[in-house]
Amino acid sequence: MSGHATPIRMTSHKSGPLSGQADVPGDKSISHRSLILGALAVGETVITGLLEGEDVLDTARAMRAFGAEVTRDEAGTWHVHGVGVGGFCEPENVIDCGNSGTGVRLIMGAMATCPITATFTGDASLNKRPMARVTDPLALFGAQSVGRSGGRLPMTIVGAADPVPVRYTVPVPSAQVKSAVLFAGLNAPGQTVVIEQEATRDHTERMLAGFGAEIVTQETDEGRVITLTGQPELTPQTIVVPRDPSSAAFPVCAAIITPGSDVLVPNIGLNPTRAGLFTTLREMGADLSYENPREEGGEPVADLRARFSPDLKGIEVPPERAASMIDEYPVLSVVAAFAQGKTVMRGVKELRVKESDRIEAMAAGLRAGGVEVEDGPDWWIVTGLGHGNVPGGQTCASHLDHRIAMSFMVMGMATQNPVSVDDASPIATSFPIFEGLMAELGADIRRD
């Protein structure tokens, strides 16, 4: 499957027990950052376990375009020979980031304080997404941007020839915005300060420190204050990418709603800024355990065991948890359909500006499958029907969104009637082995 391919209609049929081991791909957030920071280091960074989905491969191509040497050996290990902070060269062609909001926003930040010009574009979904949330703070460094109306791609960024450090309060919880500002701050003199009123995933801070940057995080009355000292020489690293908790969400949730299932998902990153879904599932009564907890590369890791859970209860998800599970709400809403009672999700307006309006996309598909959904600007409520009572039978629009497509494939494994999506091709952007992996566990997913 390819995120840039012709549409692939796919149908998920009611499955028998799912069992076995689900070896999900590497973490997408860490994969993007490994390539970008490797390109900004001096020397060779070696990466194993990189997610080889379309989003990350687009970032690898972009790093080559900015002058880094990026190669993959026969064993699947990636090697990045960096050009140093401020060392990006001007790309000869337009940078196509495909479907990846993370990729384009982080790369914009990394080049915004270099004296070069670059033009960015993406697929139909990415070109609808707002970029002003990144270009506004980058302008404070001295970068200029020109794009389509509404601050949308295609967009040209003219990097600052004489960047200045910035103190910036992130207006909405967004790890992408925070990371773009920190990456821009790498090539600005003095100290760049980012203030988060609500904590988001902290991979960028952890990895910057790992590459040798001077970065300090403090909890204050203002919020989380992150101070980065600019113009360091980053030291190349050997990185083992943990497996992606956002990808693990799909086999985990499928096992929880499919009768008789028992699935092990090993080596999953459980960074507390990413693991909100698993906490929520356990609060709903899911049989989900952490086995062999450990730490790898500065990140907490464990093996997840998920078993069929027939007595799920709807809950109110704490709004302050939203940032730690923002990408998992679509598949959580599917689990909520099989619970008893209402699952209330608030403080999630960020879902409306992801690869699609994820609240609208999931609400429409769930309603078409016989599930009651209420929604507002930053909230939605799913009224569960309980195990065995969800009709299904609908065809859902994926809106070029990988997580929408995979969520409805999970739904079809436990509904009374099959569930289809009009286009499953975007799944390749984050989880290229999804179809095969789920089939090995016992799912009945077919291309139409």
Protein backbone atom coordinates (compact mmCIF):
# COMPACT_ATOMS: atom_id res chain seq x y z
CA MET A 1 0.00 0.00 0.00
CA SER A 2 1.16 3.53 -0.65
CA GLY A 3 -0.02 6.83 0.71
CA HIS A 4 0.49 8.21 -2.80
CA ALA A 5 -1.31 5.37 -4.62
CA THR A 6 -4.68 4.76 -6.24
CA PRO A 7 -7.54 4.08 -3.81
CA ILE A 8 -7.74 0.63 -2.20
CA ARG A 9 -11.17 -0.37 -0.92
CA MET A 10 -10.89 -2.72 2.04
CA THR A 11 -13.42 -4.67 4.14
CA SER A 12 -13.04 -6.12 7.62
CA HIS A 13 -15.16 -9.16 8.47
CA LYS A 14 -16.08 -10.59 11.85
CA SER A 15 -13.03 -12.46 13.14
CA GLY A 16 -12.40 -15.46 15.29
CA PRO A 17 -10.02 -15.12 18.22
CA LEU A 18 -6.94 -13.01 17.52
CA SER A 19 -3.81 -14.62 18.90
CA GLY A 20 -0.05 -14.46 18.63
CA GLN A 21 2.59 -11.77 18.70
CA ALA A 22 2.16 -8.42 16.95
CA ASP A 23 5.53 -6.94 16.04
CA VAL A 24 4.45 -3.40 15.19
CA PRO A 25 6.77 -0.96 13.40
CA GLY A 26 9.11 1.57 14.95
CA ASP A 27 7.84 4.74 16.57
CA LYS A 28 6.96 7.35 13.95
CA SER A 29 7.70 10.37 16.14
CA ILE A 30 11.15 9.10 17.11
CA SER A 31 11.90 7.98 13.53
CA HIS A 32 11.29 11.48 12.11
CA ARG A 33 13.38 13.10 14.84
CA SER A 34 16.23 10.57 14.48
CA LEU A 35 16.65 11.44 10.80
CA ILE A 36 16.44 15.22 11.32
CA LEU A 37 18.77 15.32 14.33
CA GLY A 38 21.15 12.93 12.59
CA ALA A 39 21.25 15.34 9.65
CA LEU A 40 22.04 18.23 12.04
CA ALA A 41 24.83 16.36 13.85
CA VAL A 42 28.47 16.22 12.75
CA GLY A 43 29.40 12.64 11.85
CA GLU A 44 27.46 9.40 11.39
CA THR A 45 24.25 8.58 13.24
CA VAL A 46 23.20 4.91 13.07
CA ILE A 47 19.50 4.05 13.40
CA THR A 48 17.96 0.60 13.82
CA GLY A 49 14.23 -0.09 13.98
CA LEU A 50 13.33 2.96 11.88
CA LEU A 51 9.70 3.02 10.73
CA GLU A 52 9.87 2.53 6.96
CA GLY A 53 6.44 3.99 6.23
CA GLU A 54 5.86 6.63 3.57
CA ASP A 55 5.87 9.53 6.07
CA VAL A 56 9.33 8.72 7.41
CA LEU A 57 10.74 7.86 3.98
CA ASP A 58 9.62 11.30 2.82
CA THR A 59 11.58 12.83 5.70
CA ALA A 60 14.66 10.77 4.73
CA ARG A 61 14.40 12.07 1.16
CA ALA A 62 14.07 15.61 2.50
CA MET A 63 17.24 15.28 4.59
CA ARG A 64 19.11 14.18 1.46
CA ALA A 65 17.76 17.23 -0.35
CA PHE A 66 19.16 19.48 2.41
CA GLY A 67 22.61 17.93 2.01
CA ALA A 68 22.82 15.04 4.46
CA GLU A 69 23.91 11.59 3.28
CA VAL A 70 21.16 9.14 4.22
CA THR A 71 21.50 5.44 3.35
CA ARG A 72 19.98 2.10 4.32
CA ASP A 73 22.15 -1.03 4.42
CA GLU A 74 21.08 -4.57 3.58
CA ALA A 75 20.37 -5.35 7.24
CA GLY A 76 17.81 -2.54 7.41
CA THR A 77 20.03 -0.21 9.45
CA TRP A 78 20.01 3.46 8.47
CA HIS A 79 23.10 5.67 8.38
CA VAL A 80 22.90 9.47 8.44
CA HIS A 81 26.01 11.56 7.83
CA GLY A 82 25.03 14.98 9.12
CA VAL A 83 25.99 18.46 7.95
CA GLY A 84 25.94 20.12 11.37
CA VAL A 85 23.65 22.73 12.91
CA GLY A 86 23.12 25.51 10.38
CA GLY A 87 24.71 23.41 7.65
CA PHE A 88 21.66 22.67 5.51
CA CYS A 89 22.15 23.49 1.83
CA GLU A 90 19.39 24.84 -0.36
CA PRO A 91 17.38 22.04 -2.00
CA GLU A 92 17.23 22.01 -5.78
CA ASN A 93 13.59 20.91 -5.94
CA VAL A 94 10.32 21.17 -4.02
CA ILE A 95 10.26 19.14 -0.78
CA ASP A 96 7.29 16.74 -0.90
CA CYS A 97 6.32 15.61 2.61
CA GLY A 98 3.48 13.39 1.42
CA ASN A 99 0.93 12.93 4.20
CA SER A 100 3.15 13.92 7.10
CA GLY A 101 2.28 16.94 9.22
CA THR A 102 5.04 15.97 11.65
CA GLY A 103 7.63 15.77 8.89
CA VAL A 104 6.85 19.07 7.21
CA ARG A 105 6.51 21.09 10.42
CA LEU A 106 9.72 19.74 11.99
CA ILE A 107 11.70 20.21 8.79
CA MET A 108 10.40 23.77 8.42
CA GLY A 109 11.71 24.46 11.92
CA ALA A 110 15.09 22.89 11.23
CA MET A 111 15.69 24.99 8.09
CA ALA A 112 14.05 28.25 9.22
CA THR A 113 17.23 29.60 10.81
CA CYS A 114 19.47 28.65 7.88
CA PRO A 115 20.11 31.27 5.15
CA ILE A 116 18.38 29.19 2.48
CA THR A 117 15.00 29.00 0.74
CA ALA A 118 12.85 25.87 0.43
CA THR A 119 9.39 25.13 -0.94
CA PHE A 120 7.21 22.48 0.69
CA THR A 121 4.18 20.57 -0.56
CA GLY A 122 2.29 17.38 0.29
CA ASP A 123 -0.63 15.22 -0.69
CA ALA A 124 -4.24 16.44 -0.86
CA SER A 125 -4.74 15.87 2.87
CA LEU A 126 -1.55 17.61 4.02
CA ASN A 127 -2.17 20.57 1.73
CA LYS A 128 -5.40 21.30 3.63
CA ARG A 129 -3.75 21.42 7.05
CA PRO A 130 -2.86 24.69 8.83
CA MET A 131 0.81 25.69 8.80
CA ALA A 132 0.48 29.16 10.36
CA ARG A 133 0.75 27.57 13.81
CA VAL A 134 4.38 26.84 12.84
CA THR A 135 5.23 29.70 10.49
CA ASP A 136 4.02 32.34 12.99
CA PRO A 137 6.64 31.46 15.64
CA LEU A 138 9.30 30.84 12.95
CA ALA A 139 8.76 34.43 11.80
CA LEU A 140 9.92 35.57 15.25
CA PHE A 141 13.36 34.10 14.43
CA GLY A 142 13.41 36.13 11.21
CA ALA A 143 12.12 33.52 8.75
CA GLN A 144 9.63 34.50 6.06
CA SER A 145 6.90 32.34 4.54
CA VAL A 146 4.56 32.58 1.57
CA GLY A 147 1.82 30.00 1.08
CA ARG A 148 -1.75 29.57 -0.06
CA SER A 149 -4.66 31.23 1.70
CA GLY A 150 -5.15 30.11 5.26
CA GLY A 151 -1.44 29.42 5.64
CA ARG A 152 -1.62 26.19 3.66
CA LEU A 153 0.83 24.29 1.46
CA PRO A 154 2.42 24.60 -1.04
CA MET A 155 4.55 27.07 0.91
CA THR A 156 7.98 28.65 0.53
CA ILE A 157 10.11 29.38 3.59
CA VAL A 158 12.96 31.89 3.39
CA GLY A 159 15.29 31.10 6.27
CA ALA A 160 16.63 33.82 8.55
CA ALA A 161 20.11 35.02 7.56
CA ASP A 162 20.66 36.47 11.05
CA PRO A 163 18.34 34.55 13.37
CA VAL A 164 17.53 35.78 16.85
CA PRO A 165 16.51 33.66 19.85
CA VAL A 166 12.84 33.49 20.76
CA ARG A 167 10.68 33.16 23.85
CA TYR A 168 7.42 31.55 22.75
CA THR A 169 4.33 30.27 24.54
CA VAL A 170 2.68 27.49 22.53
CA PRO A 171 -1.00 28.55 22.16
CA VAL A 172 -2.41 25.03 21.74
CA PRO A 173 -0.96 21.73 22.98
CA SER A 174 1.17 20.63 20.01
CA ALA A 175 4.41 18.67 20.10
CA GLN A 176 4.91 19.56 16.43
CA VAL A 177 4.86 23.31 17.10
CA LYS A 178 7.08 22.97 20.16
CA SER A 179 9.55 20.83 18.24
CA ALA A 180 9.64 23.17 15.23
CA VAL A 181 10.53 26.10 17.50
CA LEU A 182 13.21 24.09 19.32
CA PHE A 183 14.74 22.91 16.03
CA ALA A 184 14.79 26.51 14.79
CA GLY A 185 16.40 27.56 18.06
CA LEU A 186 19.33 25.22 17.43
CA ASN A 187 20.86 27.69 14.95
CA ALA A 188 19.91 30.89 16.81
CA PRO A 189 22.41 32.48 19.21
CA GLY A 190 21.64 32.62 22.92
CA GLN A 191 18.71 30.85 24.54
CA THR A 192 15.40 29.96 22.92
CA VAL A 193 12.59 29.36 25.41
CA VAL A 194 9.38 27.43 24.74
CA ILE A 195 6.55 27.48 27.28
CA GLU A 196 3.90 24.75 27.27
CA GLN A 197 0.80 25.32 29.37
CA GLU A 198 -0.12 21.67 28.82
CA ALA A 199 2.60 19.05 28.46
CA THR A 200 2.91 17.21 25.12
CA ARG A 201 5.11 14.29 24.04
CA ASP A 202 8.70 15.07 25.01
CA HIS A 203 10.70 13.02 22.50
CA THR A 204 12.32 16.17 21.08
CA GLU A 205 13.64 17.31 24.44
CA ARG A 206 14.93 13.83 25.33
CA MET A 207 16.60 13.38 21.94
CA LEU A 208 18.15 16.86 21.83
CA ALA A 209 19.76 16.12 25.18
CA GLY A 210 20.92 12.75 23.86
CA PHE A 211 22.58 14.42 20.88
CA GLY A 212 24.44 16.77 23.25
CA ALA A 213 22.36 19.95 23.18
CA GLU A 214 22.10 21.99 26.36
CA ILE A 215 18.39 21.87 27.17
CA VAL A 216 16.64 22.35 30.52
CA THR A 217 12.99 21.73 31.39
CA GLN A 218 11.38 23.31 34.43
CA GLU A 219 7.84 23.12 35.81
CA THR A 220 6.73 26.66 36.76
CA ASP A 221 3.57 28.67 37.35
CA GLU A 222 3.65 29.53 33.63
CA GLY A 223 3.69 25.86 32.71
CA ARG A 224 6.50 23.69 31.40
CA VAL A 225 9.41 25.99 30.47
CA ILE A 226 11.97 24.50 28.06
CA THR A 227 15.23 26.42 27.58
CA LEU A 228 17.58 25.51 24.71
CA THR A 229 21.05 27.01 24.29
CA GLY A 230 21.61 27.63 20.60
CA GLN A 231 24.43 26.80 18.19
CA PRO A 232 25.67 23.56 19.78
CA GLU A 233 27.66 20.94 17.91
CA LEU A 234 25.41 17.92 18.01
CA THR A 235 27.15 14.57 18.54
CA PRO A 236 26.02 11.67 16.32
CA GLN A 237 24.23 8.84 18.09
CA THR A 238 23.40 5.16 17.78
CA ILE A 239 19.61 4.97 18.07
CA VAL A 240 17.37 1.96 18.60
CA VAL A 241 13.85 3.14 17.77
CA PRO A 242 11.24 1.65 20.14
CA ARG A 243 8.02 0.33 18.64
CA ASP A 244 5.22 2.79 18.13
CA PRO A 245 2.48 2.95 20.82
CA SER A 246 0.17 4.60 18.28
CA SER A 247 0.54 1.59 15.97
CA ALA A 248 0.27 -0.83 18.91
CA ALA A 249 -3.14 0.70 19.62
CA PHE A 250 -4.72 -1.16 16.70
CA PRO A 251 -3.87 -4.80 17.56
CA VAL A 252 -4.41 -4.00 21.26
CA CYS A 253 -7.89 -2.58 20.69
CA ALA A 254 -8.77 -5.32 18.21
CA ALA A 255 -7.90 -7.99 20.79
CA ILE A 256 -9.94 -6.24 23.49
CA ILE A 257 -13.18 -6.27 21.41
CA THR A 258 -12.76 -9.62 19.57
CA PRO A 259 -14.00 -12.69 21.53
CA GLY A 260 -11.37 -15.17 22.71
CA SER A 261 -8.40 -12.98 21.76
CA ASP A 262 -5.00 -12.99 23.48
CA VAL A 263 -2.32 -10.87 21.75
CA LEU A 264 1.21 -9.92 22.87
CA VAL A 265 2.65 -6.65 21.52
CA PRO A 266 6.33 -6.54 22.52
CA ASN A 267 8.78 -3.65 22.99
CA ILE A 268 6.27 -0.79 23.11
CA GLY A 269 7.42 2.66 24.16
CA LEU A 270 5.48 3.79 27.24
CA ASN A 271 6.70 7.37 27.49
CA PRO A 272 4.13 8.94 29.86
CA THR A 273 3.45 11.67 27.30
CA ARG A 274 2.30 8.98 24.84
CA ALA A 275 0.64 6.20 26.86
CA GLY A 276 -2.73 7.78 27.70
CA LEU A 277 -4.73 5.29 25.62
CA PHE A 278 -3.50 2.28 27.57
CA THR A 279 -4.36 3.95 30.89
CA THR A 280 -7.82 4.78 29.53
CA LEU A 281 -8.47 1.24 28.29
CA ARG A 282 -7.61 -0.17 31.70
CA GLU A 283 -9.98 2.32 33.35
CA MET A 284 -12.73 1.03 31.02
CA GLY A 285 -12.12 -2.49 32.29
CA ALA A 286 -9.87 -3.82 29.53
CA ASP A 287 -7.72 -6.86 30.29
CA LEU A 288 -4.44 -5.14 29.37
CA SER A 289 -1.21 -5.84 31.23
CA TYR A 290 2.38 -4.59 31.03
CA GLU A 291 4.96 -7.38 31.04
CA ASN A 292 8.74 -7.08 31.45
CA PRO A 293 8.82 -3.28 32.05
CA ARG A 294 12.26 -1.80 31.37
CA GLU A 295 14.08 1.25 30.03
CA GLU A 296 15.73 1.44 26.61
CA GLY A 297 17.49 4.50 25.23
CA GLY A 298 16.08 6.70 27.96
CA GLU A 299 12.49 5.68 27.16
CA PRO A 300 10.27 3.36 29.28
CA VAL A 301 9.35 0.19 27.39
CA ALA A 302 7.22 -2.89 28.12
CA ASP A 303 5.50 -5.81 26.41
CA LEU A 304 1.71 -5.35 26.23
CA ARG A 305 -0.67 -8.27 26.60
CA ALA A 306 -4.25 -7.59 25.51
CA ARG A 307 -7.09 -10.04 25.98
CA PHE A 308 -10.77 -10.00 25.03
CA SER A 309 -12.67 -7.86 27.52
CA PRO A 310 -16.46 -8.41 27.36
CA ASP A 311 -17.42 -6.09 30.23
CA LEU A 312 -16.09 -2.72 29.09
CA LYS A 313 -17.68 0.36 30.66
CA GLY A 314 -17.93 3.85 29.21
CA ILE A 315 -15.97 6.49 31.13
CA GLU A 316 -15.20 10.20 30.99
CA VAL A 317 -11.65 10.56 29.69
CA PRO A 318 -9.85 13.34 31.63
CA PRO A 319 -9.31 16.30 29.25
CA GLU A 320 -5.77 16.77 30.56
CA ARG A 321 -4.94 13.32 29.17
CA ALA A 322 -5.73 14.37 25.59
CA ALA A 323 -2.20 15.39 24.62
CA SER A 324 -0.84 11.96 25.60
CA MET A 325 -3.27 10.08 23.33
CA ILE A 326 -4.40 12.56 20.69
CA ASP A 327 -3.75 10.14 17.81
CA GLU A 328 -5.55 7.28 19.56
CA TYR A 329 -9.01 8.81 20.00
CA PRO A 330 -10.29 7.38 16.68
CA VAL A 331 -9.64 3.77 17.70
CA LEU A 332 -10.73 4.50 21.29
CA SER A 333 -14.10 5.59 19.89
CA VAL A 334 -14.39 2.17 18.26
CA VAL A 335 -13.72 0.43 21.59
CA ALA A 336 -16.27 2.78 23.19
CA ALA A 337 -18.92 1.49 20.77
CA PHE A 338 -18.50 -1.99 22.32
CA ALA A 339 -18.63 -0.72 25.92
CA GLN A 340 -21.74 -0.25 28.07
CA GLY A 341 -22.74 3.39 28.51
CA LYS A 342 -21.29 6.68 27.39
CA THR A 343 -17.61 7.41 26.76
CA VAL A 344 -17.03 11.16 26.97
CA MET A 345 -13.99 12.71 25.27
CA ARG A 346 -13.35 16.42 25.86
CA GLY A 347 -10.53 18.87 25.16
CA VAL A 348 -9.84 17.30 21.77
CA LYS A 349 -10.22 20.19 19.29
CA GLU A 350 -6.80 19.27 17.85
CA LEU A 351 -8.52 16.25 16.25
CA ARG A 352 -10.33 18.58 13.87
CA VAL A 353 -7.06 19.66 12.17
CA LYS A 354 -5.25 16.33 11.85
CA GLU A 355 -4.93 14.45 8.52
CA SER A 356 -8.72 14.83 8.48
CA ASP A 357 -11.34 16.21 10.84
CA ARG A 358 -11.09 13.04 12.89
CA ILE A 359 -14.10 13.76 15.07
CA GLU A 360 -16.33 14.25 12.04
CA ALA A 361 -14.86 11.28 10.15
CA MET A 362 -15.26 8.85 13.05
CA ALA A 363 -18.66 10.20 14.10
CA ALA A 364 -20.04 9.78 10.56
CA GLY A 365 -18.69 6.23 10.24
CA LEU A 366 -19.85 5.13 13.69
CA ARG A 367 -23.34 6.53 13.11
CA ALA A 368 -23.54 4.71 9.79
CA GLY A 369 -22.71 1.52 11.69
CA GLY A 370 -25.56 1.98 14.16
CA VAL A 371 -23.72 3.75 17.00
CA GLU A 372 -25.03 6.93 18.63
CA VAL A 373 -22.48 9.78 18.62
CA GLU A 374 -22.81 13.37 19.84
CA ASP A 375 -20.12 15.91 19.04
CA GLY A 376 -19.16 19.56 19.44
CA PRO A 377 -16.18 21.80 18.62
CA ASP A 378 -13.80 20.12 21.08
CA TRP A 379 -15.72 17.12 22.42
CA TRP A 380 -17.58 13.98 21.44
CA ILE A 381 -19.58 11.30 23.20
CA VAL A 382 -20.01 7.70 22.04
CA THR A 383 -22.88 5.70 23.52
CA GLY A 384 -21.76 2.10 23.58
CA LEU A 385 -24.02 -0.81 22.69
CA GLY A 386 -22.09 -3.51 24.53
CA HIS A 387 -20.32 -6.60 23.21
CA GLY A 388 -22.08 -8.33 20.30
CA ASN A 389 -24.61 -5.56 19.74
CA VAL A 390 -22.86 -3.24 17.25
CA PRO A 391 -24.51 -3.65 13.81
CA GLY A 392 -21.77 -2.42 11.46
CA GLY A 393 -22.43 -2.99 7.77
CA GLN A 394 -21.31 0.47 6.66
CA THR A 395 -18.77 1.82 4.17
CA CYS A 396 -16.73 4.62 5.70
CA ALA A 397 -14.75 7.43 4.09
CA SER A 398 -11.10 7.40 5.21
CA HIS A 399 -10.51 11.02 4.10
CA LEU A 400 -6.90 10.08 3.20
CA ASP A 401 -6.31 9.43 6.92
CA HIS A 402 -4.42 6.28 7.93
CA ARG A 403 -5.81 6.21 11.47
CA ILE A 404 -9.41 6.53 10.32
CA ALA A 405 -8.93 3.61 7.91
CA MET A 406 -7.30 1.35 10.51
CA SER A 407 -9.87 2.22 13.19
CA PHE A 408 -12.75 1.09 11.02
CA MET A 409 -10.87 -2.10 10.08
CA VAL A 410 -10.65 -2.84 13.82
CA MET A 411 -14.37 -2.14 14.21
CA GLY A 412 -15.32 -4.68 11.55
CA MET A 413 -13.60 -7.49 13.45
CA ALA A 414 -16.36 -7.50 16.09
CA THR A 415 -19.49 -6.02 14.44
CA GLN A 416 -22.45 -8.11 13.34
CA ASN A 417 -21.80 -7.15 9.69
CA PRO A 418 -18.60 -6.33 7.78
CA VAL A 419 -17.21 -2.77 7.79
CA SER A 420 -15.56 -1.24 4.70
CA VAL A 421 -13.43 1.83 4.01
CA ASP A 422 -13.37 3.52 0.63
CA ASP A 423 -9.58 3.93 0.58
CA ALA A 424 -7.09 2.10 2.80
CA SER A 425 -4.00 3.17 0.85
CA PRO A 426 -2.99 5.86 3.42
CA ILE A 427 -2.30 3.10 5.97
CA ALA A 428 1.14 2.79 4.36
CA THR A 429 2.12 6.22 5.70
CA SER A 430 2.51 4.90 9.26
CA PHE A 431 1.87 1.12 9.36
CA PRO A 432 2.84 -0.50 6.04
CA ILE A 433 2.62 -4.04 7.49
CA PHE A 434 -0.83 -3.54 9.08
CA GLU A 435 -2.73 -5.79 6.67
CA GLY A 436 -0.32 -8.71 6.91
CA LEU A 437 0.22 -8.40 10.65
CA MET A 438 -3.49 -8.41 11.44
CA ALA A 439 -4.03 -11.38 9.10
CA GLU A 440 -1.35 -13.35 10.95
CA LEU A 441 -3.20 -12.70 14.22
CA GLY A 442 -6.40 -14.08 12.66
CA ALA A 443 -8.20 -11.01 11.32
CA ASP A 444 -10.28 -11.36 8.16
CA ILE A 445 -9.47 -8.22 6.17
CA ARG A 446 -9.96 -8.30 2.40
CA ARG A 447 -9.26 -5.99 -0.47
CA ASP A 448 -12.40 -5.55 -2.57
